[in-house]
């Protein structure tokens, strides 16, 4: 239990840290994506015996990040976010099923496939706020003072 809490805390600190070089030129809004992802994860885990809650969690997982990007007029980043949120779990599930050496058929490989899917989703949830959630449009609005001469 303590290892899980430590891993979650480390992941949160990783996604919550802002690269200082980019902080000068851009505004980070990943803090708005993290609660949506946390709510999606909570709904999926808590509702694993109730399909409606799982479906709601999956919808929030898929749409949460792209909606935040669209609210910041970052349409390209919204597309990248959607792509990461769809491709990440898909590639993770493929990788998980590829590791299966069980000879019992498809049903015996369900566990590694689901674990791979979950890892792929987690990677997408880390990459989206940590890499994509920068408002570059705000950097142009910063007033500049320049000194120079003309010859």
N, C-alpha and C. Protein backbone atom coordinates (compact mmCIF):
# COMPACT_ATOMS: atom_id res chain seq x y z
N UNK A 1 0.82 -1.19 0.00
CA UNK A 1 0.00 0.00 0.00
C UNK A 1 0.87 1.26 0.00
N UNK A 2 1.92 1.25 0.81
CA UNK A 2 2.80 2.42 0.89
C UNK A 2 3.55 2.62 -0.43
N UNK A 3 3.92 1.53 -1.08
CA UNK A 3 4.61 1.65 -2.35
C UNK A 3 3.70 2.28 -3.40
N UNK A 4 2.43 1.89 -3.38
CA UNK A 4 1.47 2.45 -4.32
C UNK A 4 1.29 3.94 -4.08
N UNK A 5 1.15 4.33 -2.83
CA UNK A 5 1.01 5.75 -2.51
C UNK A 5 2.26 6.53 -2.90
N UNK A 6 3.42 5.96 -2.68
CA UNK A 6 4.66 6.62 -3.06
C UNK A 6 4.76 6.77 -4.57
N UNK A 7 4.33 5.74 -5.30
CA UNK A 7 4.37 5.82 -6.77
C UNK A 7 3.40 6.88 -7.28
N UNK A 8 2.21 6.94 -6.71
CA UNK A 8 1.23 7.94 -7.12
C UNK A 8 1.76 9.34 -6.81
N UNK A 9 2.35 9.53 -5.64
CA UNK A 9 2.90 10.83 -5.27
C UNK A 9 4.04 11.22 -6.21
N UNK A 10 4.89 10.27 -6.56
CA UNK A 10 5.99 10.55 -7.48
C UNK A 10 5.47 10.93 -8.86
N UNK A 11 4.45 10.22 -9.34
CA UNK A 11 3.87 10.55 -10.64
C UNK A 11 3.23 11.92 -10.62
N UNK A 12 2.55 12.26 -9.53
CA UNK A 12 1.93 13.57 -9.43
C UNK A 12 2.98 14.67 -9.43
N UNK A 13 4.06 14.47 -8.68
CA UNK A 13 5.12 15.48 -8.65
C UNK A 13 5.77 15.60 -10.02
N UNK A 14 5.89 14.50 -10.74
CA UNK A 14 6.48 14.54 -12.08
C UNK A 14 5.61 15.36 -13.01
N UNK A 15 4.30 15.15 -12.97
CA UNK A 15 3.41 15.88 -13.86
C UNK A 15 3.17 17.30 -13.39
N UNK A 16 3.31 17.57 -12.09
CA UNK A 16 3.02 18.89 -11.57
C UNK A 16 4.21 19.84 -11.68
N UNK A 17 5.40 19.31 -11.93
CA UNK A 17 6.56 20.19 -12.03
C UNK A 17 6.57 20.87 -13.40
N UNK A 18 6.89 22.12 -13.38
CA UNK A 18 6.91 22.90 -14.61
C UNK A 18 8.36 23.14 -14.99
N UNK A 19 8.68 22.86 -16.21
CA UNK A 19 10.01 23.11 -16.71
C UNK A 19 10.24 24.62 -16.73
N UNK A 20 11.24 25.10 -16.00
CA UNK A 20 11.44 26.54 -15.87
C UNK A 20 11.80 27.21 -17.18
N UNK A 21 12.43 26.50 -18.07
CA UNK A 21 12.77 27.10 -19.36
C UNK A 21 11.51 27.40 -20.15
N UNK A 22 10.51 26.52 -20.07
CA UNK A 22 9.27 26.74 -20.79
C UNK A 22 8.33 27.67 -20.03
N UNK A 23 8.50 27.79 -18.72
CA UNK A 23 7.60 28.62 -17.93
C UNK A 23 7.72 30.09 -18.32
N UNK A 24 8.90 30.50 -18.76
CA UNK A 24 9.06 31.89 -19.18
C UNK A 24 8.30 32.18 -20.47
N UNK A 25 8.28 31.23 -21.38
CA UNK A 25 7.69 31.46 -22.70
C UNK A 25 6.25 30.98 -22.81
N UNK A 26 5.79 30.17 -21.90
CA UNK A 26 4.46 29.58 -22.03
C UNK A 26 3.83 29.39 -20.66
N UNK A 27 2.53 29.30 -20.65
CA UNK A 27 1.79 29.09 -19.41
C UNK A 27 1.33 27.65 -19.36
N UNK A 28 1.56 26.97 -18.24
CA UNK A 28 1.21 25.57 -18.07
C UNK A 28 -0.20 25.46 -17.51
N UNK A 29 -1.05 24.70 -18.18
CA UNK A 29 -2.41 24.49 -17.69
C UNK A 29 -2.71 23.01 -17.45
N UNK A 30 -1.67 22.22 -17.27
CA UNK A 30 -1.84 20.80 -17.01
C UNK A 30 -2.57 20.51 -15.71
N UNK A 31 -2.53 21.47 -14.77
CA UNK A 31 -3.23 21.29 -13.50
C UNK A 31 -4.73 21.16 -13.71
N UNK A 32 -5.25 21.58 -14.86
CA UNK A 32 -6.67 21.43 -15.14
C UNK A 32 -6.99 20.05 -15.70
N UNK A 33 -6.01 19.38 -16.26
CA UNK A 33 -6.22 18.04 -16.84
C UNK A 33 -6.11 16.96 -15.76
N UNK A 34 -5.23 17.16 -14.79
CA UNK A 34 -4.98 16.15 -13.76
C UNK A 34 -6.24 15.78 -12.98
N UNK A 35 -7.07 16.72 -12.52
CA UNK A 35 -8.29 16.31 -11.80
C UNK A 35 -9.28 15.54 -12.66
N UNK A 36 -9.36 15.88 -13.95
CA UNK A 36 -10.25 15.13 -14.84
C UNK A 36 -9.77 13.69 -14.96
N UNK A 37 -8.47 13.50 -15.10
CA UNK A 37 -7.93 12.15 -15.18
C UNK A 37 -8.11 11.39 -13.87
N UNK A 38 -7.94 12.08 -12.75
CA UNK A 38 -8.14 11.43 -11.45
C UNK A 38 -9.59 11.00 -11.28
N UNK A 39 -10.53 11.84 -11.70
CA UNK A 39 -11.95 11.48 -11.62
C UNK A 39 -12.26 10.30 -12.53
N UNK A 40 -11.67 10.29 -13.71
CA UNK A 40 -11.89 9.17 -14.63
C UNK A 40 -11.36 7.87 -14.04
N UNK A 41 -10.15 7.92 -13.48
CA UNK A 41 -9.56 6.72 -12.88
C UNK A 41 -10.40 6.24 -11.69
N UNK A 42 -10.86 7.17 -10.86
CA UNK A 42 -11.68 6.80 -9.71
C UNK A 42 -12.99 6.14 -10.14
N UNK A 43 -13.62 6.68 -11.17
CA UNK A 43 -14.87 6.09 -11.65
C UNK A 43 -14.65 4.71 -12.22
N UNK A 44 -13.55 4.53 -12.94
CA UNK A 44 -13.27 3.21 -13.53
C UNK A 44 -12.97 2.18 -12.46
N UNK A 45 -12.15 2.54 -11.47
CA UNK A 45 -11.77 1.59 -10.42
C UNK A 45 -12.94 1.32 -9.48
N UNK A 46 -13.62 2.38 -9.05
CA UNK A 46 -14.72 2.20 -8.09
C UNK A 46 -15.92 1.53 -8.73
N UNK A 47 -16.12 1.74 -10.02
CA UNK A 47 -17.30 1.18 -10.66
C UNK A 47 -17.04 -0.08 -11.44
N UNK A 48 -15.99 -0.80 -11.11
CA UNK A 48 -15.64 -2.00 -11.89
C UNK A 48 -16.73 -3.05 -11.87
N UNK A 49 -17.64 -3.01 -10.89
CA UNK A 49 -18.76 -3.95 -10.86
C UNK A 49 -20.05 -3.33 -11.40
N UNK A 50 -19.96 -2.08 -11.83
CA UNK A 50 -21.12 -1.39 -12.36
C UNK A 50 -20.72 -0.74 -13.68
N UNK A 51 -21.27 -1.23 -14.77
CA UNK A 51 -20.86 -0.80 -16.11
C UNK A 51 -21.06 0.68 -16.38
N UNK A 52 -22.10 1.30 -15.81
CA UNK A 52 -22.36 2.71 -16.06
C UNK A 52 -21.25 3.60 -15.56
N UNK A 53 -20.72 3.32 -14.39
CA UNK A 53 -19.64 4.13 -13.83
C UNK A 53 -18.36 3.95 -14.64
N UNK A 54 -18.11 2.73 -15.08
CA UNK A 54 -16.92 2.48 -15.89
C UNK A 54 -17.02 3.22 -17.22
N UNK A 55 -18.20 3.17 -17.84
CA UNK A 55 -18.40 3.88 -19.10
C UNK A 55 -18.22 5.38 -18.92
N UNK A 56 -18.75 5.94 -17.85
CA UNK A 56 -18.58 7.37 -17.57
C UNK A 56 -17.10 7.69 -17.37
N UNK A 57 -16.38 6.84 -16.66
CA UNK A 57 -14.95 7.06 -16.46
C UNK A 57 -14.17 7.01 -17.76
N UNK A 58 -14.53 6.08 -18.64
CA UNK A 58 -13.85 5.98 -19.94
C UNK A 58 -14.12 7.23 -20.78
N UNK A 59 -15.36 7.72 -20.75
CA UNK A 59 -15.70 8.92 -21.52
C UNK A 59 -14.93 10.12 -20.99
N UNK A 60 -14.85 10.26 -19.67
CA UNK A 60 -14.09 11.38 -19.09
C UNK A 60 -12.60 11.22 -19.40
N UNK A 61 -12.09 10.00 -19.39
CA UNK A 61 -10.68 9.76 -19.73
C UNK A 61 -10.39 10.21 -21.16
N UNK A 62 -11.26 9.82 -22.09
CA UNK A 62 -11.03 10.14 -23.50
C UNK A 62 -11.22 11.63 -23.78
N UNK A 63 -12.26 12.23 -23.22
CA UNK A 63 -12.62 13.60 -23.58
C UNK A 63 -12.05 14.68 -22.66
N UNK A 64 -11.66 14.34 -21.44
CA UNK A 64 -11.24 15.35 -20.47
C UNK A 64 -10.08 16.21 -20.93
N UNK A 65 -8.98 15.59 -21.29
CA UNK A 65 -7.80 16.34 -21.74
C UNK A 65 -8.06 17.14 -23.00
N UNK A 66 -8.62 16.54 -24.05
CA UNK A 66 -8.90 17.33 -25.25
C UNK A 66 -9.83 18.52 -25.01
N UNK A 67 -10.81 18.37 -24.13
CA UNK A 67 -11.71 19.50 -23.85
C UNK A 67 -10.95 20.64 -23.19
N UNK A 68 -10.04 20.33 -22.27
CA UNK A 68 -9.24 21.38 -21.63
C UNK A 68 -8.37 22.08 -22.67
N UNK A 69 -7.76 21.33 -23.58
CA UNK A 69 -6.95 21.93 -24.64
C UNK A 69 -7.81 22.83 -25.53
N UNK A 70 -9.01 22.38 -25.87
CA UNK A 70 -9.90 23.20 -26.71
C UNK A 70 -10.32 24.47 -25.99
N UNK A 71 -10.50 24.40 -24.68
CA UNK A 71 -10.86 25.60 -23.91
C UNK A 71 -9.75 26.64 -23.94
N UNK A 72 -8.53 26.21 -24.18
CA UNK A 72 -7.39 27.11 -24.28
C UNK A 72 -7.06 27.46 -25.73
N UNK A 73 -7.96 27.14 -26.65
CA UNK A 73 -7.77 27.37 -28.08
C UNK A 73 -6.51 26.68 -28.62
N UNK A 74 -6.20 25.55 -28.08
CA UNK A 74 -5.06 24.75 -28.54
C UNK A 74 -5.62 23.52 -29.25
N UNK A 75 -6.14 23.73 -30.45
CA UNK A 75 -6.85 22.67 -31.18
C UNK A 75 -5.91 21.56 -31.63
N UNK A 76 -4.69 21.90 -32.04
CA UNK A 76 -3.73 20.86 -32.43
C UNK A 76 -3.36 19.98 -31.24
N UNK A 77 -3.18 20.61 -30.10
CA UNK A 77 -2.84 19.86 -28.89
C UNK A 77 -4.02 18.99 -28.45
N UNK A 78 -5.25 19.47 -28.69
CA UNK A 78 -6.42 18.65 -28.38
C UNK A 78 -6.43 17.39 -29.24
N UNK A 79 -6.07 17.52 -30.50
CA UNK A 79 -5.98 16.35 -31.38
C UNK A 79 -4.88 15.39 -30.94
N UNK A 80 -3.73 15.95 -30.55
CA UNK A 80 -2.65 15.10 -30.06
C UNK A 80 -3.05 14.39 -28.76
N UNK A 81 -3.75 15.11 -27.90
CA UNK A 81 -4.21 14.52 -26.65
C UNK A 81 -5.18 13.37 -26.92
N UNK A 82 -6.13 13.60 -27.82
CA UNK A 82 -7.09 12.54 -28.17
C UNK A 82 -6.37 11.34 -28.76
N UNK A 83 -5.42 11.60 -29.64
CA UNK A 83 -4.65 10.50 -30.23
C UNK A 83 -3.88 9.71 -29.19
N UNK A 84 -3.24 10.42 -28.26
CA UNK A 84 -2.49 9.73 -27.20
C UNK A 84 -3.42 8.91 -26.32
N UNK A 85 -4.60 9.45 -26.04
CA UNK A 85 -5.54 8.77 -25.16
C UNK A 85 -6.19 7.56 -25.83
N UNK A 86 -6.21 7.53 -27.14
CA UNK A 86 -6.74 6.36 -27.84
C UNK A 86 -5.64 5.36 -28.19
N UNK A 87 -4.52 5.85 -28.67
CA UNK A 87 -3.43 4.97 -29.08
C UNK A 87 -2.66 4.38 -27.90
N UNK A 88 -2.51 5.14 -26.82
CA UNK A 88 -1.75 4.65 -25.66
C UNK A 88 -2.31 3.35 -25.11
N UNK A 89 -3.59 3.31 -24.75
CA UNK A 89 -4.14 2.06 -24.24
C UNK A 89 -4.17 0.95 -25.29
N UNK A 90 -4.40 1.32 -26.55
CA UNK A 90 -4.42 0.30 -27.61
C UNK A 90 -3.07 -0.36 -27.78
N UNK A 91 -2.02 0.48 -27.83
CA UNK A 91 -0.67 -0.08 -27.96
C UNK A 91 -0.26 -0.84 -26.70
N UNK A 92 -0.68 -0.34 -25.55
CA UNK A 92 -0.39 -1.05 -24.30
C UNK A 92 -1.06 -2.42 -24.26
N UNK A 93 -2.31 -2.49 -24.73
CA UNK A 93 -3.02 -3.77 -24.76
C UNK A 93 -2.35 -4.73 -25.73
N UNK A 94 -1.90 -4.23 -26.88
CA UNK A 94 -1.19 -5.09 -27.82
C UNK A 94 0.12 -5.61 -27.23
N UNK A 95 0.84 -4.72 -26.55
CA UNK A 95 2.10 -5.15 -25.92
C UNK A 95 1.83 -6.16 -24.81
N UNK A 96 0.78 -5.93 -24.03
CA UNK A 96 0.45 -6.88 -22.97
C UNK A 96 0.06 -8.24 -23.50
N UNK A 97 -0.73 -8.26 -24.57
CA UNK A 97 -1.14 -9.55 -25.13
C UNK A 97 0.03 -10.25 -25.81
N UNK A 98 1.00 -9.47 -26.30
CA UNK A 98 2.17 -10.07 -26.93
C UNK A 98 3.06 -10.77 -25.92
N UNK A 99 2.98 -10.35 -24.65
CA UNK A 99 3.81 -10.99 -23.63
C UNK A 99 3.20 -12.28 -23.11
N UNK A 100 1.98 -12.56 -23.50
CA UNK A 100 1.28 -13.74 -23.00
C UNK A 100 1.87 -15.01 -23.59
N UNK A 101 2.21 -15.93 -22.72
CA UNK A 101 2.74 -17.23 -23.15
C UNK A 101 1.80 -18.35 -22.74
N UNK A 102 0.60 -18.00 -22.33
CA UNK A 102 -0.38 -18.97 -21.88
C UNK A 102 -0.94 -19.73 -23.08
N UNK A 103 -0.97 -21.01 -23.01
CA UNK A 103 -1.47 -21.82 -24.10
C UNK A 103 -2.96 -22.11 -24.02
N UNK A 104 -3.68 -21.44 -23.14
CA UNK A 104 -5.10 -21.72 -22.93
C UNK A 104 -6.00 -20.98 -23.92
N UNK A 105 -5.44 -20.26 -24.84
CA UNK A 105 -6.27 -19.51 -25.77
C UNK A 105 -6.40 -18.06 -25.35
N UNK A 106 -7.35 -17.38 -25.95
CA UNK A 106 -7.51 -15.94 -25.72
C UNK A 106 -7.87 -15.60 -24.28
N UNK A 107 -8.70 -16.39 -23.63
CA UNK A 107 -9.14 -16.08 -22.27
C UNK A 107 -8.01 -16.08 -21.27
N UNK A 108 -6.97 -16.85 -21.50
CA UNK A 108 -5.84 -16.91 -20.58
C UNK A 108 -4.94 -15.70 -20.68
N UNK A 109 -5.07 -14.91 -21.71
CA UNK A 109 -4.23 -13.74 -21.92
C UNK A 109 -4.94 -12.44 -21.54
N UNK A 110 -6.08 -12.54 -20.90
CA UNK A 110 -6.84 -11.35 -20.57
C UNK A 110 -6.09 -10.47 -19.57
N UNK A 111 -5.51 -11.06 -18.54
CA UNK A 111 -4.83 -10.27 -17.50
C UNK A 111 -3.68 -9.43 -18.06
N UNK A 112 -2.72 -10.00 -18.80
CA UNK A 112 -1.65 -9.15 -19.32
C UNK A 112 -2.15 -8.10 -20.32
N UNK A 113 -3.22 -8.41 -21.03
CA UNK A 113 -3.78 -7.43 -21.97
C UNK A 113 -4.37 -6.25 -21.22
N UNK A 114 -5.11 -6.52 -20.15
CA UNK A 114 -5.72 -5.45 -19.35
C UNK A 114 -4.64 -4.63 -18.64
N UNK A 115 -3.61 -5.29 -18.15
CA UNK A 115 -2.51 -4.56 -17.50
C UNK A 115 -1.81 -3.66 -18.52
N UNK A 116 -1.56 -4.16 -19.71
CA UNK A 116 -0.95 -3.34 -20.75
C UNK A 116 -1.82 -2.16 -21.13
N UNK A 117 -3.13 -2.37 -21.21
CA UNK A 117 -4.07 -1.29 -21.49
C UNK A 117 -4.00 -0.23 -20.41
N UNK A 118 -3.98 -0.65 -19.16
CA UNK A 118 -3.93 0.30 -18.04
C UNK A 118 -2.61 1.08 -18.04
N UNK A 119 -1.51 0.43 -18.34
CA UNK A 119 -0.22 1.11 -18.39
C UNK A 119 -0.20 2.12 -19.53
N UNK A 120 -0.74 1.74 -20.69
CA UNK A 120 -0.81 2.67 -21.81
C UNK A 120 -1.66 3.89 -21.50
N UNK A 121 -2.78 3.68 -20.79
CA UNK A 121 -3.64 4.80 -20.39
C UNK A 121 -2.91 5.70 -19.39
N UNK A 122 -2.19 5.11 -18.46
CA UNK A 122 -1.45 5.90 -17.48
C UNK A 122 -0.35 6.72 -18.14
N UNK A 123 0.33 6.14 -19.11
CA UNK A 123 1.37 6.89 -19.83
C UNK A 123 0.74 8.09 -20.56
N UNK A 124 -0.41 7.88 -21.19
CA UNK A 124 -1.09 8.99 -21.87
C UNK A 124 -1.51 10.07 -20.87
N UNK A 125 -1.94 9.65 -19.68
CA UNK A 125 -2.34 10.62 -18.66
C UNK A 125 -1.16 11.39 -18.09
N UNK A 126 0.03 10.85 -18.18
CA UNK A 126 1.23 11.56 -17.73
C UNK A 126 1.75 12.49 -18.82
N UNK A 127 1.78 11.98 -20.05
CA UNK A 127 2.33 12.76 -21.16
C UNK A 127 1.46 13.97 -21.47
N UNK A 128 0.15 13.82 -21.41
CA UNK A 128 -0.74 14.91 -21.79
C UNK A 128 -0.49 16.17 -20.95
N UNK A 129 -0.62 16.13 -19.62
CA UNK A 129 -0.37 17.37 -18.88
C UNK A 129 1.10 17.78 -18.82
N UNK A 130 2.00 16.82 -18.86
CA UNK A 130 3.42 17.14 -18.71
C UNK A 130 4.04 17.71 -19.98
N UNK A 131 3.56 17.29 -21.14
CA UNK A 131 4.20 17.68 -22.39
C UNK A 131 3.31 18.60 -23.24
N UNK A 132 2.03 18.32 -23.29
CA UNK A 132 1.14 19.03 -24.21
C UNK A 132 0.46 20.26 -23.63
N UNK A 133 0.35 20.38 -22.33
CA UNK A 133 -0.49 21.40 -21.71
C UNK A 133 0.23 22.72 -21.49
N UNK A 134 0.71 23.33 -22.55
CA UNK A 134 1.35 24.63 -22.49
C UNK A 134 0.64 25.58 -23.44
N UNK A 135 0.27 26.73 -22.93
CA UNK A 135 -0.43 27.73 -23.71
C UNK A 135 0.60 28.67 -24.33
N UNK A 136 1.02 28.34 -25.54
CA UNK A 136 2.04 29.15 -26.21
C UNK A 136 1.49 30.48 -26.69
N UNK A 137 0.17 30.60 -26.82
CA UNK A 137 -0.41 31.86 -27.27
C UNK A 137 -0.19 32.96 -26.24
N UNK A 138 -0.11 32.61 -24.97
CA UNK A 138 0.11 33.59 -23.92
C UNK A 138 1.51 34.19 -23.96
N UNK A 139 2.45 33.50 -24.57
CA UNK A 139 3.81 34.01 -24.62
C UNK A 139 3.91 35.23 -25.52
N UNK A 140 3.09 35.32 -26.57
CA UNK A 140 3.15 36.45 -27.49
C UNK A 140 2.56 37.71 -26.86
N UNK A 141 1.73 37.56 -25.84
CA UNK A 141 1.09 38.70 -25.22
C UNK A 141 1.99 39.40 -24.21
N UNK A 142 3.14 38.85 -23.91
CA UNK A 142 4.06 39.45 -22.94
C UNK A 142 4.73 40.65 -23.60
N UNK A 143 4.64 41.82 -23.00
CA UNK A 143 5.27 42.99 -23.61
C UNK A 143 6.79 42.89 -23.55
N UNK A 144 7.42 43.30 -24.61
CA UNK A 144 8.87 43.24 -24.70
C UNK A 144 9.43 44.66 -24.80
N UNK A 145 10.55 44.88 -24.15
CA UNK A 145 11.27 46.15 -24.27
C UNK A 145 12.58 45.83 -24.95
N UNK A 146 12.82 46.49 -26.06
CA UNK A 146 14.05 46.23 -26.81
C UNK A 146 14.83 47.53 -26.93
N UNK A 147 16.11 47.39 -26.83
CA UNK A 147 17.01 48.52 -27.01
C UNK A 147 17.87 48.23 -28.22
N UNK A 148 18.05 49.20 -29.04
CA UNK A 148 18.91 49.00 -30.21
C UNK A 148 19.00 50.29 -31.01
N UNK A 149 19.93 50.31 -31.84
CA UNK A 149 20.11 51.49 -32.69
C UNK A 149 19.92 51.12 -34.13
N UNK A 150 19.81 52.12 -34.94
CA UNK A 150 19.73 51.90 -36.38
C UNK A 150 20.82 52.71 -37.05
N UNK A 151 21.36 52.15 -38.04
CA UNK A 151 22.48 52.81 -38.75
C UNK A 151 22.08 53.06 -40.18
